[in-house]
Amino acid sequence: MNLNPTEVLNPVFNTLDALIQNCGVYLYLVVVWLSLLVIVWIFSGGLRTKRPQENPATVIPGIIFRMRPQIQPPPPTGIEVDQTWDRDDETTD
């Protein structure tokens, strides 16, 4: 009993080679159409998990903006300004 993979699978490969050689164009067309059907099935929701229908609810996602109140700075109180540094109006000749 020979369990060498190349010798065990040789009849399978020979059969596939003959099938592709005789009917390769038709196999290609079948594969292309099946792949298109699979793509349509996936886009239509074929891979989504089914949710239980116990409590159906519609969820509409949205973004909520909250306007923060504008904070007014407190009015200045008790600030004394020293005016002695501004002596541009006095000219000395």
PDB file of N, CA and C in Angstrom:
ATOM      1  N   MET A   1       0.853  -1.171   0.000  1.00  0.00           N
ATOM      2  CA  MET A   1       0.000   0.000   0.000  1.00  0.00           C
ATOM      3  C   MET A   1       0.896   1.230   0.000  1.00  0.00           C
ATOM      4  N   ASN A   2       0.757   2.014  -1.040  1.00  0.00           N
ATOM      5  CA  ASN A   2       1.586   3.201  -1.200  1.00  0.00           C
ATOM      6  C   ASN A   2       0.760   4.425  -0.820  1.00  0.00           C
ATOM      7  N   LEU A   3       1.218   5.187   0.177  1.00  0.00           N
ATOM      8  CA  LEU A   3       0.494   6.366   0.633  1.00  0.00           C
ATOM      9  C   LEU A   3       1.192   7.659   0.219  1.00  0.00           C
ATOM     10  N   ASN A   4       1.985   7.593  -0.801  1.00  0.00           N
ATOM     11  CA  ASN A   4       2.641   8.783  -1.322  1.00  0.00           C
ATOM     12  C   ASN A   4       1.567   9.683  -1.957  1.00  0.00           C
ATOM     13  N   PRO A   5       1.466  10.947  -1.528  1.00  0.00           N
ATOM     14  CA  PRO A   5       0.380  11.811  -2.019  1.00  0.00           C
ATOM     15  C   PRO A   5       0.396  12.014  -3.528  1.00  0.00           C
ATOM     16  N   THR A   6       1.539  12.066  -4.130  1.00  0.00           N
ATOM     17  CA  THR A   6       1.572  12.294  -5.573  1.00  0.00           C
ATOM     18  C   THR A   6       1.017  11.097  -6.339  1.00  0.00           C
ATOM     19  N   GLU A   7       1.252   9.879  -5.838  1.00  0.00           N
ATOM     20  CA  GLU A   7       0.733   8.694  -6.518  1.00  0.00           C
ATOM     21  C   GLU A   7      -0.731   8.448  -6.200  1.00  0.00           C
ATOM     22  N   VAL A   8      -1.170   8.829  -5.017  1.00  0.00           N
ATOM     23  CA  VAL A   8      -2.571   8.634  -4.642  1.00  0.00           C
ATOM     24  C   VAL A   8      -3.460   9.618  -5.402  1.00  0.00           C
ATOM     25  N   LEU A   9      -2.992  10.842  -5.556  1.00  0.00           N
ATOM     26  CA  LEU A   9      -3.814  11.872  -6.196  1.00  0.00           C
ATOM     27  C   LEU A   9      -3.599  11.950  -7.703  1.00  0.00           C
ATOM     28  N   ASN A  10      -2.739  11.134  -8.249  1.00  0.00           N
ATOM     29  CA  ASN A  10      -2.481  11.158  -9.682  1.00  0.00           C
ATOM     30  C   ASN A  10      -3.737  10.895 -10.522  1.00  0.00           C
ATOM     31  N   PRO A  11      -4.575   9.914 -10.202  1.00  0.00           N
ATOM     32  CA  PRO A  11      -5.794   9.718 -10.997  1.00  0.00           C
ATOM     33  C   PRO A  11      -6.745  10.907 -10.925  1.00  0.00           C
ATOM     34  N   VAL A  12      -6.794  11.558  -9.777  1.00  0.00           N
ATOM     35  CA  VAL A  12      -7.657  12.738  -9.624  1.00  0.00           C
ATOM     36  C   VAL A  12      -7.150  13.866 -10.516  1.00  0.00           C
ATOM     37  N   PHE A  13      -5.853  14.093 -10.508  1.00  0.00           N
ATOM     38  CA  PHE A  13      -5.291  15.156 -11.345  1.00  0.00           C
ATOM     39  C   PHE A  13      -5.453  14.848 -12.829  1.00  0.00           C
ATOM     40  N   ASN A  14      -5.296  13.603 -13.209  1.00  0.00           N
ATOM     41  CA  ASN A  14      -5.487  13.233 -14.618  1.00  0.00           C
ATOM     42  C   ASN A  14      -6.936  13.454 -15.052  1.00  0.00           C
ATOM     43  N   THR A  15      -7.883  13.113 -14.173  1.00  0.00           N
ATOM     44  CA  THR A  15      -9.297  13.330 -14.496  1.00  0.00           C
ATOM     45  C   THR A  15      -9.608  14.815 -14.620  1.00  0.00           C
ATOM     46  N   LEU A  16      -9.083  15.627 -13.711  1.00  0.00           N
ATOM     47  CA  LEU A  16      -9.316  17.080 -13.773  1.00  0.00           C
ATOM     48  C   LEU A  16      -8.673  17.677 -15.019  1.00  0.00           C
ATOM     49  N   ASP A  17      -7.493  17.212 -15.384  1.00  0.00           N
ATOM     50  CA  ASP A  17      -6.840  17.706 -16.597  1.00  0.00           C
ATOM     51  C   ASP A  17      -7.670  17.394 -17.835  1.00  0.00           C
ATOM     52  N   ALA A  18      -8.194  16.178 -17.901  1.00  0.00           N
ATOM     53  CA  ALA A  18      -9.017  15.795 -19.052  1.00  0.00           C
ATOM     54  C   ALA A  18     -10.310  16.597 -19.084  1.00  0.00           C
ATOM     55  N   LEU A  19     -10.911  16.813 -17.930  1.00  0.00           N
ATOM     56  CA  LEU A  19     -12.161  17.594 -17.860  1.00  0.00           C
ATOM     57  C   LEU A  19     -11.929  19.031 -18.295  1.00  0.00           C
ATOM     58  N   ILE A  20     -10.833  19.629 -17.853  1.00  0.00           N
ATOM     59  CA  ILE A  20     -10.524  21.005 -18.249  1.00  0.00           C
ATOM     60  C   ILE A  20     -10.180  21.069 -19.735  1.00  0.00           C
ATOM     61  N   GLN A  21      -9.504  20.065 -20.238  1.00  0.00           N
ATOM     62  CA  GLN A  21      -9.133  20.069 -21.652  1.00  0.00           C
ATOM     63  C   GLN A  21     -10.369  19.926 -22.546  1.00  0.00           C
ATOM     64  N   ASN A  22     -11.342  19.145 -22.129  1.00  0.00           N
ATOM     65  CA  ASN A  22     -12.534  18.920 -22.947  1.00  0.00           C
ATOM     66  C   ASN A  22     -13.622  19.966 -22.738  1.00  0.00           C
ATOM     67  N   CYS A  23     -13.813  20.407 -21.503  1.00  0.00           N
ATOM     68  CA  CYS A  23     -14.948  21.297 -21.184  1.00  0.00           C
ATOM     69  C   CYS A  23     -14.492  22.548 -20.440  1.00  0.00           C
ATOM     70  N   GLY A  24     -13.296  23.022 -20.687  1.00  0.00           N
ATOM     71  CA  GLY A  24     -12.743  24.144 -19.924  1.00  0.00           C
ATOM     72  C   GLY A  24     -13.521  25.431 -20.081  1.00  0.00           C
ATOM     73  N   VAL A  25     -13.996  25.730 -21.284  1.00  0.00           N
ATOM     74  CA  VAL A  25     -14.730  26.976 -21.523  1.00  0.00           C
ATOM     75  C   VAL A  25     -16.048  26.964 -20.767  1.00  0.00           C
ATOM     76  N   TYR A  26     -16.726  25.838 -20.775  1.00  0.00           N
ATOM     77  CA  TYR A  26     -18.017  25.752 -20.083  1.00  0.00           C
ATOM     78  C   TYR A  26     -17.836  25.813 -18.566  1.00  0.00           C
ATOM     79  N   LEU A  27     -16.789  25.194 -18.062  1.00  0.00           N
ATOM     80  CA  LEU A  27     -16.500  25.296 -16.626  1.00  0.00           C
ATOM     81  C   LEU A  27     -16.206  26.737 -16.224  1.00  0.00           C
ATOM     82  N   TYR A  28     -15.466  27.433 -17.074  1.00  0.00           N
ATOM     83  CA  TYR A  28     -15.155  28.840 -16.798  1.00  0.00           C
ATOM     84  C   TYR A  28     -16.435  29.669 -16.748  1.00  0.00           C
ATOM     85  N   LEU A  29     -17.338  29.474 -17.713  1.00  0.00           N
ATOM     86  CA  LEU A  29     -18.590  30.234 -17.725  1.00  0.00           C
ATOM     87  C   LEU A  29     -19.441  29.928 -16.500  1.00  0.00           C
ATOM     88  N   VAL A  30     -19.491  28.690 -16.085  1.00  0.00           N
ATOM     89  CA  VAL A  30     -20.259  28.323 -14.892  1.00  0.00           C
ATOM     90  C   VAL A  30     -19.667  28.988 -13.647  1.00  0.00           C
ATOM     91  N   VAL A  31     -18.356  28.971 -13.533  1.00  0.00           N
ATOM     92  CA  VAL A  31     -17.703  29.575 -12.364  1.00  0.00           C
ATOM     93  C   VAL A  31     -17.934  31.086 -12.342  1.00  0.00           C
ATOM     94  N   VAL A  32     -17.863  31.750 -13.488  1.00  0.00           N
ATOM     95  CA  VAL A  32     -18.074  33.199 -13.538  1.00  0.00           C
ATOM     96  C   VAL A  32     -19.496  33.544 -13.123  1.00  0.00           C
ATOM     97  N   TRP A  33     -20.494  32.838 -13.668  1.00  0.00           N
ATOM     98  CA  TRP A  33     -21.883  33.142 -13.320  1.00  0.00           C
ATOM     99  C   TRP A  33     -22.180  32.822 -11.865  1.00  0.00           C
ATOM    100  N   LEU A  34     -21.626  31.736 -11.358  1.00  0.00           N
ATOM    101  CA  LEU A  34     -21.834  31.419  -9.943  1.00  0.00           C
ATOM    102  C   LEU A  34     -21.185  32.465  -9.032  1.00  0.00           C
ATOM    103  N   SER A  35     -20.013  32.963  -9.425  1.00  0.00           N
ATOM    104  CA  SER A  35     -19.366  33.985  -8.593  1.00  0.00           C
ATOM    105  C   SER A  35     -20.175  35.285  -8.599  1.00  0.00           C
ATOM    106  N   LEU A  36     -20.769  35.628  -9.737  1.00  0.00           N
ATOM    107  CA  LEU A  36     -21.630  36.822  -9.768  1.00  0.00           C
ATOM    108  C   LEU A  36     -22.849  36.645  -8.870  1.00  0.00           C
ATOM    109  N   LEU A  37     -23.448  35.448  -8.904  1.00  0.00           N
ATOM    110  CA  LEU A  37     -24.594  35.189  -8.028  1.00  0.00           C
ATOM    111  C   LEU A  37     -24.203  35.245  -6.551  1.00  0.00           C
ATOM    112  N   VAL A  38     -23.018  34.745  -6.223  1.00  0.00           N
ATOM    113  CA  VAL A  38     -22.550  34.791  -4.835  1.00  0.00           C
ATOM    114  C   VAL A  38     -22.304  36.232  -4.399  1.00  0.00           C
ATOM    115  N   ILE A  39     -21.755  37.054  -5.262  1.00  0.00           N
ATOM    116  CA  ILE A  39     -21.516  38.464  -4.926  1.00  0.00           C
ATOM    117  C   ILE A  39     -22.835  39.185  -4.695  1.00  0.00           C
ATOM    118  N   VAL A  40     -23.829  38.942  -5.537  1.00  0.00           N
ATOM    119  CA  VAL A  40     -25.145  39.563  -5.352  1.00  0.00           C
ATOM    120  C   VAL A  40     -25.766  39.080  -4.052  1.00  0.00           C
ATOM    121  N   TRP A  41     -25.632  37.815  -3.748  1.00  0.00           N
ATOM    122  CA  TRP A  41     -26.184  37.272  -2.505  1.00  0.00           C
ATOM    123  C   TRP A  41     -25.523  37.915  -1.281  1.00  0.00           C
ATOM    124  N   ILE A  42     -24.205  38.115  -1.336  1.00  0.00           N
ATOM    125  CA  ILE A  42     -23.495  38.741  -0.213  1.00  0.00           C
ATOM    126  C   ILE A  42     -23.941  40.185  -0.042  1.00  0.00           C
ATOM    127  N   PHE A  43     -24.045  40.939  -1.147  1.00  0.00           N
ATOM    128  CA  PHE A  43     -24.467  42.345  -1.047  1.00  0.00           C
ATOM    129  C   PHE A  43     -25.910  42.482  -0.599  1.00  0.00           C
ATOM    130  N   SER A  44     -26.743  41.487  -0.844  1.00  0.00           N
ATOM    131  CA  SER A  44     -28.139  41.584  -0.427  1.00  0.00           C
ATOM    132  C   SER A  44     -28.336  41.158   1.019  1.00  0.00           C
ATOM    133  N   GLY A  45     -27.274  40.794   1.707  1.00  0.00           N
ATOM    134  CA  GLY A  45     -27.367  40.484   3.127  1.00  0.00           C
ATOM    135  C   GLY A  45     -27.300  39.010   3.428  1.00  0.00           C
ATOM    136  N   GLY A  46     -26.759  38.227   2.565  1.00  0.00           N
ATOM    137  CA  GLY A  46     -26.698  36.790   2.774  1.00  0.00           C
ATOM    138  C   GLY A  46     -25.787  36.371   3.910  1.00  0.00           C
ATOM    139  N   LEU A  47     -24.826  37.176   4.267  1.00  0.00           N
ATOM    140  CA  LEU A  47     -23.897  36.801   5.332  1.00  0.00           C
ATOM    141  C   LEU A  47     -24.256  37.400   6.687  1.00  0.00           C
ATOM    142  N   ARG A  48     -25.308  38.202   6.724  1.00  0.00           N
ATOM    143  CA  ARG A  48     -25.707  38.801   8.007  1.00  0.00           C
ATOM    144  C   ARG A  48     -26.328  37.745   8.898  1.00  0.00           C
ATOM    145  N   THR A  49     -26.094  37.884  10.189  1.00  0.00           N
ATOM    146  CA  THR A  49     -26.718  36.954  11.127  1.00  0.00           C
ATOM    147  C   THR A  49     -28.161  37.357  11.326  1.00  0.00           C
ATOM    148  N   LYS A  50     -28.997  36.381  11.492  1.00  0.00           N
ATOM    149  CA  LYS A  50     -30.419  36.636  11.708  1.00  0.00           C
ATOM    150  C   LYS A  50     -30.638  36.988  13.166  1.00  0.00           C
ATOM    151  N   ARG A  51     -31.318  38.099  13.401  1.00  0.00           N
ATOM    152  CA  ARG A  51     -31.617  38.516  14.762  1.00  0.00           C
ATOM    153  C   ARG A  51     -32.997  38.009  15.152  1.00  0.00           C
ATOM    154  N   PRO A  52     -33.165  37.676  16.411  1.00  0.00           N
ATOM    155  CA  PRO A  52     -34.495  37.221  16.835  1.00  0.00           C
ATOM    156  C   PRO A  52     -35.508  38.366  16.735  1.00  0.00           C
ATOM    157  N   GLN A  53     -36.750  38.021  16.394  1.00  0.00           N
ATOM    158  CA  GLN A  53     -37.794  39.029  16.199  1.00  0.00           C
ATOM    159  C   GLN A  53     -38.609  39.265  17.465  1.00  0.00           C
ATOM    160  N   GLU A  54     -38.031  39.012  18.629  1.00  0.00           N
ATOM    161  CA  GLU A  54     -38.763  39.173  19.882  1.00  0.00           C
ATOM    162  C   GLU A  54     -39.078  40.634  20.173  1.00  0.00           C
ATOM    163  N   ASN A  55     -38.113  41.501  20.013  1.00  0.00           N
ATOM    164  CA  ASN A  55     -38.303  42.904  20.356  1.00  0.00           C
ATOM    165  C   ASN A  55     -37.785  43.758  19.204  1.00  0.00           C
ATOM    166  N   PRO A  56     -38.564  43.880  18.137  1.00  0.00           N
ATOM    167  CA  PRO A  56     -38.066  44.682  17.012  1.00  0.00           C
ATOM    168  C   PRO A  56     -38.076  46.175  17.354  1.00  0.00           C
ATOM    169  N   ALA A  57     -37.023  46.834  17.016  1.00  0.00           N
ATOM    170  CA  ALA A  57     -36.924  48.271  17.262  1.00  0.00           C
ATOM    171  C   ALA A  57     -36.123  48.881  16.126  1.00  0.00           C
ATOM    172  N   THR A  58     -36.542  50.069  15.726  1.00  0.00           N
ATOM    173  CA  THR A  58     -35.826  50.778  14.687  1.00  0.00           C
ATOM    174  C   THR A  58     -34.837  51.725  15.342  1.00  0.00           C
ATOM    175  N   VAL A  59     -33.602  51.603  14.965  1.00  0.00           N
ATOM    176  CA  VAL A  59     -32.554  52.457  15.518  1.00  0.00           C
ATOM    177  C   VAL A  59     -32.066  53.351  14.395  1.00  0.00           C
ATOM    178  N   ILE A  60     -32.167  54.651  14.618  1.00  0.00           N
ATOM    179  CA  ILE A  60     -31.679  55.621  13.645  1.00  0.00           C
ATOM    180  C   ILE A  60     -30.447  56.285  14.249  1.00  0.00           C
ATOM    181  N   PRO A  61     -29.285  56.003  13.703  1.00  0.00           N
ATOM    182  CA  PRO A  61     -28.085  56.625  14.263  1.00  0.00           C
ATOM    183  C   PRO A  61     -28.060  58.119  13.949  1.00  0.00           C
ATOM    184  N   GLY A  62     -27.571  58.882  14.886  1.00  0.00           N
ATOM    185  CA  GLY A  62     -27.472  60.320  14.677  1.00  0.00           C
ATOM    186  C   GLY A  62     -26.411  60.918  15.571  1.00  0.00           C
ATOM    187  N   ILE A  63     -26.091  62.129  15.279  1.00  0.00           N
ATOM    188  CA  ILE A  63     -25.095  62.863  16.056  1.00  0.00           C
ATOM    189  C   ILE A  63     -25.811  64.007  16.754  1.00  0.00           C
ATOM    190  N   ILE A  64     -25.600  64.122  18.044  1.00  0.00           N
ATOM    191  CA  ILE A  64     -26.240  65.169  18.827  1.00  0.00           C
ATOM    192  C   ILE A  64     -25.175  66.172  19.233  1.00  0.00           C
ATOM    193  N   PHE A  65     -25.416  67.434  18.883  1.00  0.00           N
ATOM    194  CA  PHE A  65     -24.510  68.507  19.257  1.00  0.00           C
ATOM    195  C   PHE A  65     -25.134  69.276  20.415  1.00  0.00           C
ATOM    196  N   ARG A  66     -24.379  69.503  21.444  1.00  0.00           N
ATOM    197  CA  ARG A  66     -24.838  70.320  22.560  1.00  0.00           C
ATOM    198  C   ARG A  66     -24.042  71.617  22.548  1.00  0.00           C
ATOM    199  N   MET A  67     -24.752  72.707  22.541  1.00  0.00           N
ATOM    200  CA  MET A  67     -24.087  74.005  22.565  1.00  0.00           C
ATOM    201  C   MET A  67     -23.771  74.345  24.020  1.00  0.00           C
ATOM    202  N   ARG A  68     -22.504  74.534  24.286  1.00  0.00           N
ATOM    203  CA  ARG A  68     -22.123  74.918  25.638  1.00  0.00           C
ATOM    204  C   ARG A  68     -22.372  76.406  25.812  1.00  0.00           C
ATOM    205  N   PRO A  69     -22.863  76.820  26.966  1.00  0.00           N
ATOM    206  CA  PRO A  69     -23.097  78.254  27.165  1.00  0.00           C
ATOM    207  C   PRO A  69     -21.774  79.015  27.150  1.00  0.00           C
ATOM    208  N   GLN A  70     -21.821  80.189  26.547  1.00  0.00           N
ATOM    209  CA  GLN A  70     -20.612  80.994  26.493  1.00  0.00           C
ATOM    210  C   GLN A  70     -20.357  81.591  27.872  1.00  0.00           C
ATOM    211  N   ILE A  71     -19.141  81.419  28.334  1.00  0.00           N
ATOM    212  CA  ILE A  71     -18.781  81.898  29.657  1.00  0.00           C
ATOM    213  C   ILE A  71     -18.240  83.313  29.508  1.00  0.00           C
ATOM    214  N   GLN A  72     -18.903  84.257  30.138  1.00  0.00           N
ATOM    215  CA  GLN A  72     -18.473  85.652  30.119  1.00  0.00           C
ATOM    216  C   GLN A  72     -17.392  85.843  31.178  1.00  0.00           C
ATOM    217  N   PRO A  73     -16.319  86.536  30.842  1.00  0.00           N
ATOM    218  CA  PRO A  73     -15.308  86.796  31.869  1.00  0.00           C
ATOM    219  C   PRO A  73     -15.887  87.770  32.897  1.00  0.00           C
ATOM    220  N   PRO A  74     -15.504  87.615  34.121  1.00  0.00           N
ATOM    221  CA  PRO A  74     -16.037  88.526  35.149  1.00  0.00           C
ATOM    222  C   PRO A  74     -15.540  89.948  34.892  1.00  0.00           C
ATOM    223  N   PRO A  75     -16.369  90.920  35.230  1.00  0.00           N
ATOM    224  CA  PRO A  75     -15.942  92.312  35.019  1.00  0.00           C
ATOM    225  C   PRO A  75     -14.749  92.637  35.920  1.00  0.00           C
ATOM    226  N   PRO A  76     -13.847  93.489  35.443  1.00  0.00           N
ATOM    227  CA  PRO A  76     -12.677  93.830  36.267  1.00  0.00           C
ATOM    228  C   PRO A  76     -13.099  94.666  37.472  1.00  0.00           C
ATOM    229  N   THR A  77     -12.607  94.290  38.602  1.00  0.00           N
ATOM    230  CA  THR A  77     -12.902  95.041  39.835  1.00  0.00           C
ATOM    231  C   THR A  77     -11.610  95.251  40.589  1.00  0.00           C
ATOM    232  N   GLY A  78     -11.447  96.448  41.089  1.00  0.00           N
ATOM    233  CA  GLY A  78     -10.302  96.768  41.929  1.00  0.00           C
ATOM    234  C   GLY A  78      -8.977  96.789  41.200  1.00  0.00           C
ATOM    235  N   ILE A  79      -8.966  97.061  39.918  1.00  0.00           N
ATOM    236  CA  ILE A  79      -7.705  97.126  39.181  1.00  0.00           C
ATOM    237  C   ILE A  79      -7.305  98.601  39.066  1.00  0.00           C
ATOM    238  N   GLU A  80      -6.110  98.890  39.520  1.00  0.00           N
ATOM    239  CA  GLU A  80      -5.610 100.247  39.401  1.00  0.00           C
ATOM    240  C   GLU A  80      -4.560 100.279  38.300  1.00  0.00           C
ATOM    241  N   VAL A  81      -4.684 101.253  37.413  1.00  0.00           N
ATOM    242  CA  VAL A  81      -3.757 101.375  36.304  1.00  0.00           C
ATOM    243  C   VAL A  81      -2.805 102.520  36.610  1.00  0.00           C
ATOM    244  N   ASP A  82      -1.516 102.254  36.534  1.00  0.00           N
ATOM    245  CA  ASP A  82      -0.505 103.273  36.779  1.00  0.00           C
ATOM    246  C   ASP A  82      -0.291 104.056  35.491  1.00  0.00           C
ATOM    247  N   GLN A  83      -0.577 105.319  35.497  1.00  0.00           N
ATOM    248  CA  GLN A  83      -0.494 106.152  34.306  1.00  0.00           C
ATOM    249  C   GLN A  83       0.811 106.949  34.258  1.00  0.00           C
ATOM    250  N   THR A  84       1.717 106.726  35.145  1.00  0.00           N
ATOM    251  CA  THR A  84       2.942 107.520  35.181  1.00  0.00           C
ATOM    252  C   THR A  84       3.934 107.104  34.104  1.00  0.00           C
ATOM    253  N   TRP A  85       3.810 105.964  33.537  1.00  0.00           N
ATOM    254  CA  TRP A  85       4.773 105.513  32.540  1.00  0.00           C
ATOM    255  C   TRP A  85       4.535 106.144  31.185  1.00  0.00           C
ATOM    256  N   ASP A  86       3.341 106.636  30.917  1.00  0.00           N
ATOM    257  CA  ASP A  86       2.995 107.202  29.619  1.00  0.00           C
ATOM    258  C   ASP A  86       3.264 108.714  29.656  1.00  0.00           C
ATOM    259  N   ARG A  87       4.435 109.146  29.241  1.00  0.00           N
ATOM    260  CA  ARG A  87       4.799 110.548  29.272  1.00  0.00           C
ATOM    261  C   ARG A  87       5.061 111.083  27.871  1.00  0.00           C
ATOM    262  N   ASP A  88       4.358 110.604  26.878  1.00  0.00           N
ATOM    263  CA  ASP A  88       4.548 111.060  25.513  1.00  0.00           C
ATOM    264  C   ASP A  88       3.957 112.457  25.308  1.00  0.00           C
ATOM    265  N   ASP A  89       2.970 112.820  26.094  1.00  0.00           N
ATOM    266  CA  ASP A  89       2.337 114.125  25.863  1.00  0.00           C
ATOM    267  C   ASP A  89       3.193 115.276  26.409  1.00  0.00           C
ATOM    268  N   GLU A  90       4.129 115.006  27.322  1.00  0.00           N
ATOM    269  CA  GLU A  90       5.029 116.054  27.802  1.00  0.00           C
ATOM    270  C   GLU A  90       6.287 116.067  26.955  1.00  0.00           C
ATOM    271  N   THR A  91       6.594 117.169  26.406  1.00  0.00           N
ATOM    272  CA  THR A  91       7.818 117.304  25.628  1.00  0.00           C
ATOM    273  C   THR A  91       8.777 118.218  26.367  1.00  0.00           C
ATOM    274  N   THR A  92       9.977 117.802  26.460  1.00  0.00           N
ATOM    275  CA  THR A  92      10.992 118.625  27.117  1.00  0.00           C
ATOM    276  C   THR A  92      11.944 119.151  26.051  1.00  0.00           C
ATOM    277  N   ASP A  93      12.135 120.463  26.073  1.00  0.00           N
ATOM    278  CA  ASP A  93      13.049 121.096  25.115  1.00  0.00           C
ATOM    279  C   ASP A  93      14.317 121.508  25.770  1.00  0.00           C
TER     280      ASP A  93
END
